[in-house]
Amino acid sequence: MNFPAELKYTKDHEWVKVEGSEATVGITEFAQRELGDIVYVDINTVGSEVAMEEVFGTVEAVKTVSDLFMPVTGEVTEFNKKLDANPELVNSDPYGEGWMVKIKVSDASQLSSLLSADEYAKQIGV
């Protein structure tokens, strides 16, 4: 399984890529494999500030719906519109075209509590 070293990870299987005060958020390769074929991504928090570990949306697979948890507190500034028509991008390219939201980070100090790629891999037993 692939866990890019430049990303930070949550225990809830989200990843975050920080660029200045902005960050891109998605779910990990492990998470999308566990969920199976993703059929819908529901995110209605654009324009809202979402606290760390709060739900910012849901992802629906063929057999289940799973909450998406914000890795750090921030304002959701953008939803990946490609996922409306092609939610399967989360399965085929979870760290690229399958990203979910962009946020403006409110508290950069929270980033230090996230997991490195190695720490995340150990947590899930890989």
C-alpha atoms as a PDB file:
ATOM      1  CA  MET A   1       0.000   0.000   0.000  1.00  0.00           C
ATOM      2  CA  ASN A   2       1.078   3.536  -0.747  1.00  0.00           C
ATOM      3  CA  PHE A   3       1.342   6.246   1.932  1.00  0.00           C
ATOM      4  CA  PRO A   4       3.201   9.268   0.503  1.00  0.00           C
ATOM      5  CA  ALA A   5       5.804  10.518   2.979  1.00  0.00           C
ATOM      6  CA  GLU A   6       5.028  14.214   2.328  1.00  0.00           C
ATOM      7  CA  LEU A   7       1.472  13.819   3.686  1.00  0.00           C
ATOM      8  CA  LYS A   8       0.202  13.738   7.272  1.00  0.00           C
ATOM      9  CA  TYR A   9      -2.407  11.189   8.381  1.00  0.00           C
ATOM     10  CA  THR A  10      -5.178  10.794  10.962  1.00  0.00           C
ATOM     11  CA  LYS A  11      -6.149   7.736  12.973  1.00  0.00           C
ATOM     12  CA  ASP A  12      -9.483   7.961  11.112  1.00  0.00           C
ATOM     13  CA  HIS A  13      -7.749   7.391   7.724  1.00  0.00           C
ATOM     14  CA  GLU A  14      -7.754  10.901   6.286  1.00  0.00           C
ATOM     15  CA  TRP A  15      -4.649  12.454   4.752  1.00  0.00           C
ATOM     16  CA  VAL A  16      -3.686  16.119   4.566  1.00  0.00           C
ATOM     17  CA  LYS A  17      -1.210  17.923   2.339  1.00  0.00           C
ATOM     18  CA  VAL A  18      -0.264  21.349   3.681  1.00  0.00           C
ATOM     19  CA  GLU A  19       0.868  24.175   1.411  1.00  0.00           C
ATOM     20  CA  GLY A  20       1.324  27.364   3.408  1.00  0.00           C
ATOM     21  CA  SER A  21      -1.947  28.138   5.199  1.00  0.00           C
ATOM     22  CA  GLU A  22      -3.968  25.940   2.835  1.00  0.00           C
ATOM     23  CA  ALA A  23      -4.353  22.188   2.886  1.00  0.00           C
ATOM     24  CA  THR A  24      -5.858  19.480   0.706  1.00  0.00           C
ATOM     25  CA  VAL A  25      -7.701  16.611   2.418  1.00  0.00           C
ATOM     26  CA  GLY A  26      -8.737  13.145   1.255  1.00  0.00           C
ATOM     27  CA  ILE A  27      -8.939   9.554   2.460  1.00  0.00           C
ATOM     28  CA  THR A  28      -6.086   7.062   2.394  1.00  0.00           C
ATOM     29  CA  GLU A  29      -5.571   4.137   0.060  1.00  0.00           C
ATOM     30  CA  PHE A  30      -6.257   1.852   3.039  1.00  0.00           C
ATOM     31  CA  ALA A  31      -9.601   3.569   3.738  1.00  0.00           C
ATOM     32  CA  GLN A  32     -10.848   3.404   0.160  1.00  0.00           C
ATOM     33  CA  ARG A  33      -9.910  -0.303  -0.034  1.00  0.00           C
ATOM     34  CA  GLU A  34     -11.796  -1.020   3.193  1.00  0.00           C
ATOM     35  CA  LEU A  35     -14.873   0.849   1.923  1.00  0.00           C
ATOM     36  CA  GLY A  36     -14.894  -0.776  -1.515  1.00  0.00           C
ATOM     37  CA  ASP A  37     -16.412   0.854  -4.586  1.00  0.00           C
ATOM     38  CA  ILE A  38     -17.234   4.458  -3.757  1.00  0.00           C
ATOM     39  CA  VAL A  39     -20.477   5.654  -5.335  1.00  0.00           C
ATOM     40  CA  TYR A  40     -21.053   9.094  -3.768  1.00  0.00           C
ATOM     41  CA  VAL A  41     -19.195  11.766  -1.817  1.00  0.00           C
ATOM     42  CA  ASP A  42     -21.412  14.165   0.167  1.00  0.00           C
ATOM     43  CA  ILE A  43     -19.732  17.335   1.396  1.00  0.00           C
ATOM     44  CA  ASN A  44     -21.875  20.354   2.226  1.00  0.00           C
ATOM     45  CA  THR A  45     -19.472  22.227   4.495  1.00  0.00           C
ATOM     46  CA  VAL A  46     -17.914  24.593   1.921  1.00  0.00           C
ATOM     47  CA  GLY A  47     -17.717  28.032   3.531  1.00  0.00           C
ATOM     48  CA  SER A  48     -17.921  26.595   7.045  1.00  0.00           C
ATOM     49  CA  GLU A  49     -15.226  26.281   9.671  1.00  0.00           C
ATOM     50  CA  VAL A  50     -14.971  22.689  10.831  1.00  0.00           C
ATOM     51  CA  ALA A  51     -13.107  21.794  14.021  1.00  0.00           C
ATOM     52  CA  MET A  52     -10.422  19.134  14.193  1.00  0.00           C
ATOM     53  CA  GLU A  53     -11.959  15.624  14.364  1.00  0.00           C
ATOM     54  CA  GLU A  54     -15.450  16.939  13.490  1.00  0.00           C
ATOM     55  CA  VAL A  55     -17.381  15.471  10.537  1.00  0.00           C
ATOM     56  CA  PHE A  56     -17.008  17.477   7.312  1.00  0.00           C
ATOM     57  CA  GLY A  57     -18.922  15.101   5.031  1.00  0.00           C
ATOM     58  CA  THR A  58     -19.604  11.470   4.192  1.00  0.00           C
ATOM     59  CA  VAL A  59     -18.432   8.979   1.632  1.00  0.00           C
ATOM     60  CA  GLU A  60     -20.849   6.327   0.397  1.00  0.00           C
ATOM     61  CA  ALA A  61     -19.706   2.958  -0.875  1.00  0.00           C
ATOM     62  CA  VAL A  62     -21.854   0.139  -2.251  1.00  0.00           C
ATOM     63  CA  LYS A  63     -22.401  -1.401   1.200  1.00  0.00           C
ATOM     64  CA  THR A  64     -21.759   1.396   3.714  1.00  0.00           C
ATOM     65  CA  VAL A  65     -21.626   5.106   4.471  1.00  0.00           C
ATOM     66  CA  SER A  66     -18.655   6.499   6.379  1.00  0.00           C
ATOM     67  CA  ASP A  67     -18.124   9.878   8.024  1.00  0.00           C
ATOM     68  CA  LEU A  68     -15.176  12.056   6.979  1.00  0.00           C
ATOM     69  CA  PHE A  69     -13.305  13.686   9.866  1.00  0.00           C
ATOM     70  CA  MET A  70     -11.425  16.979   9.597  1.00  0.00           C
ATOM     71  CA  PRO A  71      -7.700  16.446  10.298  1.00  0.00           C
ATOM     72  CA  VAL A  72      -7.154  20.030  11.559  1.00  0.00           C
ATOM     73  CA  THR A  73      -9.470  22.939  12.262  1.00  0.00           C
ATOM     74  CA  GLY A  74     -10.095  25.012   9.172  1.00  0.00           C
ATOM     75  CA  GLU A  75     -12.532  26.642   6.797  1.00  0.00           C
ATOM     76  CA  VAL A  76     -13.590  24.427   3.912  1.00  0.00           C
ATOM     77  CA  THR A  77     -12.862  26.540   0.837  1.00  0.00           C
ATOM     78  CA  GLU A  78     -13.397  24.062  -1.996  1.00  0.00           C
ATOM     79  CA  PHE A  79     -14.954  20.680  -2.778  1.00  0.00           C
ATOM     80  CA  ASN A  80     -13.511  18.537  -5.578  1.00  0.00           C
ATOM     81  CA  LYS A  81     -16.340  18.913  -8.122  1.00  0.00           C
ATOM     82  CA  LYS A  82     -14.929  16.026 -10.185  1.00  0.00           C
ATOM     83  CA  LEU A  83     -16.243  13.692  -7.480  1.00  0.00           C
ATOM     84  CA  ASP A  84     -19.861  14.629  -8.288  1.00  0.00           C
ATOM     85  CA  ALA A  85     -19.676  12.823 -11.631  1.00  0.00           C
ATOM     86  CA  ASN A  86     -16.756  10.488 -10.854  1.00  0.00           C
ATOM     87  CA  PRO A  87     -16.723   9.420  -7.178  1.00  0.00           C
ATOM     88  CA  GLU A  88     -14.653   6.392  -8.199  1.00  0.00           C
ATOM     89  CA  LEU A  89     -11.636   8.742  -8.467  1.00  0.00           C
ATOM     90  CA  VAL A  90     -11.325   8.232  -4.702  1.00  0.00           C
ATOM     91  CA  ASN A  91     -10.696   4.523  -5.414  1.00  0.00           C
ATOM     92  CA  SER A  92      -8.419   4.930  -8.431  1.00  0.00           C
ATOM     93  CA  ASP A  93      -6.341   7.925  -7.278  1.00  0.00           C
ATOM     94  CA  PRO A  94      -6.925   8.682  -3.557  1.00  0.00           C
ATOM     95  CA  TYR A  95      -3.887  10.996  -3.237  1.00  0.00           C
ATOM     96  CA  GLY A  96      -4.337  12.794  -6.554  1.00  0.00           C
ATOM     97  CA  GLU A  97      -7.544  13.304  -8.547  1.00  0.00           C
ATOM     98  CA  GLY A  98      -9.546  11.767  -5.678  1.00  0.00           C
ATOM     99  CA  TRP A  99      -8.876  14.557  -3.153  1.00  0.00           C
ATOM    100  CA  MET A 100     -12.016  15.744  -1.362  1.00  0.00           C
ATOM    101  CA  VAL A 101     -11.679  19.274   0.039  1.00  0.00           C
ATOM    102  CA  LYS A 102      -9.310  22.199   0.332  1.00  0.00           C
ATOM    103  CA  ILE A 103      -9.239  24.086   3.602  1.00  0.00           C
ATOM    104  CA  LYS A 104      -7.734  27.230   5.074  1.00  0.00           C
ATOM    105  CA  VAL A 105      -5.927  25.983   8.181  1.00  0.00           C
ATOM    106  CA  SER A 106      -6.950  27.884  11.332  1.00  0.00           C
ATOM    107  CA  ASP A 107      -4.520  26.337  13.808  1.00  0.00           C
ATOM    108  CA  ALA A 108      -1.266  25.094  12.268  1.00  0.00           C
ATOM    109  CA  SER A 109      -0.095  23.805  15.652  1.00  0.00           C
ATOM    110  CA  GLN A 110      -2.595  20.936  15.291  1.00  0.00           C
ATOM    111  CA  LEU A 111      -0.534  19.522  12.416  1.00  0.00           C
ATOM    112  CA  SER A 112       2.048  18.247  14.907  1.00  0.00           C
ATOM    113  CA  SER A 113      -0.524  15.820  16.347  1.00  0.00           C
ATOM    114  CA  LEU A 114      -1.025  14.063  12.992  1.00  0.00           C
ATOM    115  CA  LEU A 115       0.728  10.848  12.010  1.00  0.00           C
ATOM    116  CA  SER A 116       3.659  10.461   9.638  1.00  0.00           C
ATOM    117  CA  ALA A 117       3.394   7.886   6.830  1.00  0.00           C
ATOM    118  CA  ASP A 118       5.410   5.388   8.910  1.00  0.00           C
ATOM    119  CA  GLU A 119       3.309   5.972  12.034  1.00  0.00           C
ATOM    120  CA  TYR A 120       0.095   5.560  10.030  1.00  0.00           C
ATOM    121  CA  ALA A 121       1.319   2.330   8.410  1.00  0.00           C
ATOM    122  CA  LYS A 122       2.160   0.911  11.871  1.00  0.00           C
ATOM    123  CA  GLN A 123      -1.274   1.905  13.196  1.00  0.00           C
ATOM    124  CA  ILE A 124      -3.077  -0.067  10.493  1.00  0.00           C
ATOM    125  CA  GLY A 125      -0.663  -2.992  10.724  1.00  0.00           C
ATOM    126  CA  VAL A 126       1.094  -2.638   7.380  1.00  0.00           C
END
